[in-house]
N, C-alpha and C. Protein backbone atom coordinates (compact mmCIF):
# COMPACT_ATOMS: atom_id res chain seq x y z
N MET A 1 109.83 85.53 92.19
CA MET A 1 108.83 84.96 93.55
C MET A 1 109.45 84.06 94.53
N GLN A 2 109.89 82.79 94.38
CA GLN A 2 110.41 82.00 94.69
C GLN A 2 111.76 82.93 95.29
N ASP A 3 112.58 83.33 94.40
CA ASP A 3 113.47 84.29 95.20
C ASP A 3 113.51 85.18 96.12
N PHE A 4 112.57 85.25 96.04
CA PHE A 4 111.46 86.64 97.29
C PHE A 4 111.49 85.61 98.47
N ILE A 5 110.91 85.07 98.45
CA ILE A 5 110.63 83.68 99.07
C ILE A 5 111.32 83.48 100.02
N SER A 6 112.77 82.68 99.25
CA SER A 6 113.70 82.24 99.98
C SER A 6 114.73 83.38 100.83
N SER A 7 114.74 84.10 100.13
CA SER A 7 115.88 85.70 100.79
C SER A 7 114.83 86.21 102.09
N SER A 8 113.54 86.36 101.77
CA SER A 8 113.52 86.75 103.32
C SER A 8 113.20 85.09 104.29
N SER A 9 112.75 84.56 103.91
CA SER A 9 113.14 83.13 104.85
C SER A 9 114.06 83.20 106.07
N THR A 10 114.94 83.55 104.90
CA THR A 10 116.48 83.26 105.05
C THR A 10 116.71 84.27 106.42
N SER A 11 115.89 85.53 105.96
CA SER A 11 116.86 87.45 106.60
C SER A 11 115.87 86.91 108.26
N LEU A 12 114.82 86.21 108.18
CA LEU A 12 113.82 86.15 108.59
C LEU A 12 114.59 84.65 110.43
N LEU A 13 115.14 84.14 109.56
CA LEU A 13 116.19 83.09 110.01
C LEU A 13 117.12 83.18 110.99
N ASN A 14 117.62 84.76 110.12
CA ASN A 14 119.46 85.57 110.43
C ASN A 14 118.29 86.36 111.53
N THR A 15 117.27 87.38 111.56
CA THR A 15 116.83 87.94 112.84
C THR A 15 116.36 86.71 113.97
N LEU A 16 116.18 85.74 113.74
CA LEU A 16 115.86 85.00 114.88
C LEU A 16 117.44 83.70 115.74
N GLN A 17 117.83 83.77 114.80
CA GLN A 17 119.37 83.33 115.11
C GLN A 17 119.76 84.63 116.29
N LYS A 18 120.12 86.23 115.30
CA LYS A 18 120.71 87.01 116.02
C LYS A 18 119.81 87.12 117.58
N ARG A 19 118.51 87.33 117.40
CA ARG A 19 117.97 87.25 118.51
C ARG A 19 118.32 86.31 120.00
N LEU A 20 118.17 85.00 119.06
CA LEU A 20 118.98 83.94 120.43
C LEU A 20 119.87 84.17 120.70
N HIS A 21 120.93 84.56 119.94
CA HIS A 21 122.57 84.81 120.41
C HIS A 21 122.21 85.82 121.52
N TYR A 22 121.35 87.25 120.74
CA TYR A 22 121.58 88.01 122.01
C TYR A 22 121.29 87.80 123.59
N ILE A 23 120.02 86.80 123.22
CA ILE A 23 119.38 85.85 124.39
C ILE A 23 120.77 85.54 125.42
N ILE A 24 120.89 84.17 125.02
CA ILE A 24 121.88 83.81 125.55
C ILE A 24 122.87 84.78 126.33
N HIS A 25 124.30 85.08 124.93
CA HIS A 25 125.27 86.35 125.78
C HIS A 25 125.07 87.38 125.86
N ASN A 26 123.94 88.07 126.66
CA ASN A 26 123.72 89.11 127.25
C ASN A 26 122.73 89.37 128.47
N ARG A 27 123.00 87.62 129.13
CA ARG A 27 122.01 87.85 130.51
C ARG A 27 123.02 87.53 131.61
N GLN A 28 122.67 88.44 132.19
CA GLN A 28 123.30 88.38 133.93
C GLN A 28 123.48 86.31 133.97
N GLU A 29 123.13 85.67 133.90
CA GLU A 29 123.19 84.53 134.31
C GLU A 29 123.59 83.74 133.39
N TRP A 30 123.93 82.31 133.67
CA TRP A 30 124.85 81.96 132.76
C TRP A 30 123.53 80.90 131.74
N TRP A 31 123.22 81.25 130.33
CA TRP A 31 122.83 80.77 130.12
C TRP A 31 123.10 79.69 129.00
N VAL A 32 123.00 78.01 128.58
CA VAL A 32 123.68 77.14 127.59
C VAL A 32 123.22 77.76 126.26
N TYR A 33 121.25 78.07 126.74
CA TYR A 33 120.96 77.50 124.97
C TYR A 33 119.35 78.29 125.06
N ALA A 34 119.33 78.77 123.73
CA ALA A 34 117.79 79.09 123.32
C ALA A 34 117.35 78.25 122.10
N ILE A 35 115.73 77.96 122.97
CA ILE A 35 115.51 77.52 121.49
C ILE A 35 114.46 77.67 120.78
N PHE A 36 113.59 78.25 119.82
CA PHE A 36 112.55 78.79 119.41
C PHE A 36 112.01 77.22 119.05
N TRP A 37 110.63 77.26 119.70
CA TRP A 37 109.30 76.43 119.19
C TRP A 37 108.59 76.83 118.33
N GLN A 38 108.33 76.56 116.87
CA GLN A 38 107.40 77.12 115.87
C GLN A 38 106.22 76.50 116.02
N ALA A 39 104.96 76.96 116.33
CA ALA A 39 103.96 76.46 116.53
C ALA A 39 103.53 76.69 115.22
N SER A 40 102.07 75.18 114.88
CA SER A 40 101.40 75.03 113.11
C SER A 40 100.43 74.52 113.75
N LYS A 41 99.76 73.59 112.99
CA LYS A 41 98.12 72.73 113.52
C LYS A 41 98.38 71.76 112.29
N ASP A 42 98.27 70.72 113.50
CA ASP A 42 97.99 69.38 113.28
C ASP A 42 96.82 68.71 111.70
N THR A 43 96.95 67.56 111.57
CA THR A 43 95.33 67.74 110.41
C THR A 43 93.72 67.88 111.55
N ASN A 44 94.48 68.06 112.65
CA ASN A 44 93.70 67.93 113.37
C ASN A 44 93.24 68.99 113.52
N GLY A 45 93.90 69.52 114.19
CA GLY A 45 94.03 71.02 114.70
C GLY A 45 94.39 70.96 115.75
N ARG A 46 94.61 70.69 115.98
CA ARG A 46 96.40 70.66 117.56
C ARG A 46 96.91 71.43 116.76
N LEU A 47 97.49 71.83 118.24
CA LEU A 47 98.61 72.35 117.57
C LEU A 47 99.53 71.76 117.90
N ILE A 48 101.12 71.79 117.14
CA ILE A 48 101.93 71.09 117.33
C ILE A 48 103.31 72.05 118.02
N PHE A 49 103.89 72.07 118.22
CA PHE A 49 105.37 72.61 118.45
C PHE A 49 106.72 71.88 117.89
N SER A 50 107.34 72.53 117.23
CA SER A 50 108.59 71.51 116.30
C SER A 50 109.42 72.87 116.34
N TRP A 51 110.53 72.28 116.11
CA TRP A 51 112.15 73.41 116.21
C TRP A 51 111.88 73.57 115.25
N GLY A 52 111.64 75.70 115.59
CA GLY A 52 112.16 76.22 114.81
C GLY A 52 113.44 76.89 114.21
N ASP A 53 114.20 76.66 115.41
CA ASP A 53 115.64 77.43 115.43
C ASP A 53 116.53 77.20 116.59
N GLY A 54 117.40 77.36 116.85
CA GLY A 54 118.26 77.15 117.93
C GLY A 54 119.91 77.87 118.26
N HIS A 55 119.68 78.46 119.31
CA HIS A 55 121.48 78.64 119.69
C HIS A 55 122.05 77.96 120.67
N PHE A 56 122.84 77.82 120.91
CA PHE A 56 123.56 76.71 122.00
C PHE A 56 125.11 77.55 121.96
N ARG A 57 125.48 77.99 123.22
CA ARG A 57 126.37 78.87 124.24
C ARG A 57 127.77 77.84 124.04
N ASP A 58 128.67 78.06 123.05
CA ASP A 58 130.07 77.11 123.33
C ASP A 58 129.79 76.96 125.18
N THR A 59 130.70 75.25 125.45
CA THR A 59 130.93 75.03 126.72
C THR A 59 131.76 74.37 126.90
N ASN A 60 132.89 74.57 125.88
CA ASN A 60 134.37 74.39 125.94
C ASN A 60 135.28 74.25 127.47
N ASP A 61 134.09 74.83 128.67
CA ASP A 61 134.99 75.07 129.69
C ASP A 61 133.78 74.29 130.55
N LEU A 62 133.11 73.97 130.25
CA LEU A 62 132.24 72.73 130.87
C LEU A 62 133.06 71.66 131.03
N ALA A 63 132.84 70.74 131.81
CA ALA A 63 133.44 69.25 131.87
C ALA A 63 132.49 68.68 130.95
N LEU A 64 133.24 67.59 130.14
CA LEU A 64 132.34 67.00 129.15
C LEU A 64 132.73 66.16 129.63
N THR A 65 131.77 64.59 129.36
CA THR A 65 130.96 63.74 129.43
C THR A 65 131.31 63.06 128.13
N LYS A 66 131.97 61.28 128.28
CA LYS A 66 132.43 60.23 127.07
C LYS A 66 130.39 60.04 126.71
N VAL A 67 130.57 59.85 125.53
CA VAL A 67 128.86 60.01 125.39
C VAL A 67 129.00 58.75 124.19
N HIS A 68 128.19 58.21 123.69
CA HIS A 68 129.02 56.73 122.85
C HIS A 68 127.17 57.24 121.67
N ILE A 69 128.21 58.08 120.74
CA ILE A 69 127.17 57.75 119.52
C ILE A 69 127.56 57.55 118.51
N ALA A 70 126.24 56.78 117.24
CA ALA A 70 126.70 56.73 116.30
C ALA A 70 127.98 55.45 116.39
N ASN A 71 127.87 54.37 117.64
CA ASN A 71 129.28 53.71 117.02
C ASN A 71 130.43 54.58 116.95
N ALA A 72 130.89 55.38 117.72
CA ALA A 72 132.13 56.44 117.68
C ALA A 72 131.70 57.58 119.01
N ASP A 73 132.88 56.79 119.80
CA ASP A 73 132.91 57.81 121.02
C ASP A 73 133.08 59.22 120.41
N SER A 74 132.59 60.19 121.50
CA SER A 74 132.25 61.62 121.17
C SER A 74 132.56 61.96 122.52
N ASN A 75 132.86 63.49 122.66
CA ASN A 75 133.26 63.84 123.93
C ASN A 75 132.29 65.29 123.41
N VAL A 76 131.42 64.75 124.46
CA VAL A 76 130.04 65.98 124.78
C VAL A 76 129.12 66.53 125.70
N SER A 77 128.93 67.40 125.94
CA SER A 77 128.34 67.66 127.09
C SER A 77 127.19 67.28 127.40
N ASP A 78 126.43 66.59 128.61
CA ASP A 78 125.05 66.62 128.04
C ASP A 78 124.04 67.49 128.01
N MET A 79 124.48 68.91 128.39
CA MET A 79 123.57 69.89 128.09
C MET A 79 123.80 70.04 126.79
N GLU A 80 124.88 69.98 125.65
CA GLU A 80 125.06 69.78 124.44
C GLU A 80 124.06 69.02 123.95
N MET A 81 124.30 67.35 124.09
CA MET A 81 123.35 66.96 123.77
C MET A 81 121.68 66.14 123.93
N PHE A 82 121.63 67.25 124.79
CA PHE A 82 120.13 67.51 125.49
C PHE A 82 119.64 68.88 124.43
N TYR A 83 120.11 69.26 123.97
CA TYR A 83 119.86 70.12 123.34
C TYR A 83 119.88 70.06 121.86
N ALA A 84 120.95 69.29 121.25
CA ALA A 84 121.11 68.38 120.17
C ALA A 84 119.54 67.45 120.03
N VAL A 85 119.12 66.68 120.80
CA VAL A 85 118.47 65.66 121.03
C VAL A 85 116.85 66.21 120.78
N SER A 86 116.87 67.31 120.79
CA SER A 86 115.34 68.54 120.78
C SER A 86 114.94 68.83 119.28
N ALA A 87 115.89 69.09 118.03
CA ALA A 87 116.12 69.40 117.82
C ALA A 87 114.49 68.56 117.16
N PRO A 88 114.95 67.27 116.74
CA PRO A 88 114.23 66.16 115.83
C PRO A 88 112.22 66.20 117.02
N ASN A 89 112.49 66.98 117.87
CA ASN A 89 110.99 66.42 119.07
C ASN A 89 110.30 67.66 118.11
N CYS A 90 108.96 67.11 118.69
CA CYS A 90 107.44 67.65 118.73
C CYS A 90 106.74 67.80 119.57
N PHE A 91 105.73 68.49 120.49
CA PHE A 91 105.20 68.47 121.34
C PHE A 91 103.76 68.99 121.08
N VAL A 92 103.30 67.71 121.12
CA VAL A 92 101.04 68.01 121.04
C VAL A 92 100.55 67.70 122.28
N SER A 93 101.32 66.76 123.14
CA SER A 93 99.90 66.88 123.76
C SER A 93 100.15 67.25 124.96
N GLU A 94 98.80 67.55 125.77
CA GLU A 94 98.49 68.35 126.98
C GLU A 94 99.53 67.68 128.47
N ASP A 95 100.20 66.71 128.14
CA ASP A 95 100.79 65.94 128.60
C ASP A 95 102.42 66.81 128.81
N ASP A 96 102.95 67.72 127.61
CA ASP A 96 104.36 67.92 127.82
C ASP A 96 104.04 69.16 128.18
N LEU A 97 105.37 69.41 128.30
CA LEU A 97 106.07 70.80 129.24
C LEU A 97 105.68 71.70 128.62
N ILE A 98 106.12 72.25 127.35
CA ILE A 98 105.86 73.33 125.98
C ILE A 98 104.30 73.70 125.84
N VAL A 99 104.03 72.35 125.68
CA VAL A 99 102.21 72.49 125.59
C VAL A 99 101.43 73.39 126.89
N HIS A 100 101.70 72.58 127.31
CA HIS A 100 101.49 73.07 129.42
C HIS A 100 101.79 74.61 129.57
N ALA A 101 102.83 74.97 129.10
CA ALA A 101 103.50 76.49 129.14
C ALA A 101 102.88 77.52 128.20
N TYR A 102 102.42 76.88 126.82
CA TYR A 102 102.05 78.13 126.27
C TYR A 102 100.01 77.41 126.32
N ASN A 103 99.66 76.89 126.44
CA ASN A 103 98.40 76.92 127.19
C ASN A 103 97.60 77.71 128.13
N SER A 104 98.94 77.66 129.13
CA SER A 104 99.17 78.44 130.43
C SER A 104 98.85 80.05 130.60
N GLY A 105 99.46 80.20 129.41
CA GLY A 105 99.53 81.54 129.08
C GLY A 105 100.57 82.80 129.78
N SER A 106 101.60 81.18 130.67
CA SER A 106 102.36 82.61 131.54
C SER A 106 103.51 81.45 131.05
N TYR A 107 104.93 81.81 131.86
CA TYR A 107 106.17 80.64 131.73
C TYR A 107 105.91 80.00 132.59
N VAL A 108 106.96 79.02 132.30
CA VAL A 108 107.05 77.65 133.17
C VAL A 108 108.96 77.65 133.62
N TRP A 109 109.15 78.06 134.58
CA TRP A 109 110.71 78.04 135.35
C TRP A 109 110.71 77.10 135.91
N LEU A 110 110.95 75.45 136.32
CA LEU A 110 112.14 75.29 137.36
C LEU A 110 113.26 75.19 137.62
N ASN A 111 113.87 76.07 137.93
CA ASN A 111 115.06 76.36 138.90
C ASN A 111 115.83 75.91 139.74
N ASN A 112 115.44 74.17 139.68
CA ASN A 112 116.66 73.66 140.51
C ASN A 112 115.90 72.16 140.47
N TYR A 113 116.66 71.66 140.93
CA TYR A 113 117.09 69.75 140.94
C TYR A 113 115.46 69.07 141.42
N TYR A 114 115.07 70.18 142.24
CA TYR A 114 114.20 68.99 142.80
C TYR A 114 112.66 69.62 141.81
N GLU A 115 112.72 70.46 141.37
CA GLU A 115 111.56 70.54 140.61
C GLU A 115 111.84 70.15 139.21
N LEU A 116 112.82 69.83 139.09
CA LEU A 116 112.70 69.11 137.24
C LEU A 116 112.10 67.59 137.90
N GLN A 117 112.66 66.94 139.21
CA GLN A 117 112.17 65.88 139.78
C GLN A 117 110.33 65.97 139.44
N LEU A 118 110.42 66.48 140.41
CA LEU A 118 108.63 66.99 140.68
C LEU A 118 107.52 66.96 139.28
N TYR A 119 107.80 67.74 138.73
CA TYR A 119 106.71 67.95 137.20
C TYR A 119 106.98 66.67 136.25
N ASN A 120 106.12 66.00 136.16
CA ASN A 120 105.91 65.42 135.36
C ASN A 120 105.88 64.93 134.41
N TYR A 121 106.41 65.99 133.60
CA TYR A 121 106.30 65.76 131.96
C TYR A 121 107.62 65.20 131.75
N ASP A 122 108.05 64.98 130.40
CA ASP A 122 109.09 64.10 129.84
C ASP A 122 110.31 65.08 129.26
N ARG A 123 109.47 66.33 128.61
CA ARG A 123 111.11 67.08 128.96
C ARG A 123 111.77 67.69 130.65
N ALA A 124 110.92 67.79 131.07
CA ALA A 124 111.42 68.17 132.53
C ALA A 124 112.40 66.93 133.01
N LYS A 125 111.96 65.71 132.84
CA LYS A 125 112.38 64.48 133.31
C LYS A 125 113.72 64.29 132.38
N GLU A 126 113.76 64.27 131.17
CA GLU A 126 114.92 64.25 130.35
C GLU A 126 115.88 65.67 130.49
N ALA A 127 115.45 66.36 130.85
CA ALA A 127 116.51 67.47 130.74
C ALA A 127 116.99 66.94 132.35
N HIS A 128 116.41 66.62 133.48
CA HIS A 128 116.96 66.49 134.59
C HIS A 128 117.65 64.84 133.89
N LEU A 129 117.60 64.55 133.31
CA LEU A 129 118.53 62.91 132.73
C LEU A 129 120.11 63.56 132.79
N HIS A 130 119.55 65.07 131.30
CA HIS A 130 120.90 65.67 131.10
C HIS A 130 121.81 66.64 131.97
N GLY A 131 121.01 66.82 133.95
CA GLY A 131 121.86 67.53 133.79
C GLY A 131 122.04 68.68 134.14
N ILE A 132 120.83 68.89 133.98
CA ILE A 132 120.08 70.35 133.43
C ILE A 132 119.64 70.77 134.54
N ARG A 133 119.86 72.09 135.48
CA ARG A 133 119.43 72.76 136.43
C ARG A 133 118.61 73.34 136.32
N THR A 134 118.28 74.06 135.72
CA THR A 134 116.93 75.44 135.13
C THR A 134 116.69 74.92 134.15
N LEU A 135 115.07 74.95 133.98
CA LEU A 135 114.83 75.17 132.11
C LEU A 135 113.65 75.81 132.22
N GLU A 136 113.71 76.30 131.91
CA GLU A 136 112.41 78.54 131.70
C GLU A 136 112.33 77.98 129.79
N ILE A 137 110.66 77.64 130.00
CA ILE A 137 109.76 77.98 128.99
C ILE A 137 109.34 79.46 128.65
N ILE A 138 109.18 79.96 127.80
CA ILE A 138 108.58 81.60 127.41
C ILE A 138 108.10 81.46 126.19
N PHE A 139 107.02 81.75 126.42
CA PHE A 139 106.06 82.32 125.01
C PHE A 139 105.91 83.82 125.10
N PHE A 140 106.50 84.16 123.77
CA PHE A 140 106.14 85.36 123.23
C PHE A 140 105.07 85.28 122.26
N ARG A 141 103.55 86.37 122.37
CA ARG A 141 102.11 85.91 121.43
C ARG A 141 102.14 86.91 120.93
N GLU A 142 101.91 87.19 119.68
CA GLU A 142 101.85 88.16 119.04
C GLU A 142 100.60 88.72 119.69
N LYS A 143 100.64 90.21 119.40
CA LYS A 143 99.42 91.12 120.02
C LYS A 143 98.40 91.07 119.19
């Protein structure tokens, strides 16, 4: 039984990874990453959105910035850093952009420097600080 559950979970993750890869590499626009935020509930019944999976496009052709990480200099782009620091994040509060998008039943598309500044959400502010100029949050709900 455990083998079945493990192989099913692995199969679902592989399918999700393939879909995220497809989204990133087959858009007319040049997207850098896609993140699947997984919804669950906490002990109080509130929705929590946590990292489910993600795909980051290789950005070797983008200008790299020097970032100091864990006492070692490493060349990573600001976009790669934004993607990497997304993994441990969870979103619960109504004041978070991801929760706002989910509750609105619509997408959020912040498509320029000024919109990222105007939205008073931590995720938008963090994206702006990492040089992200377009941030789109889309939810696919089961019917």
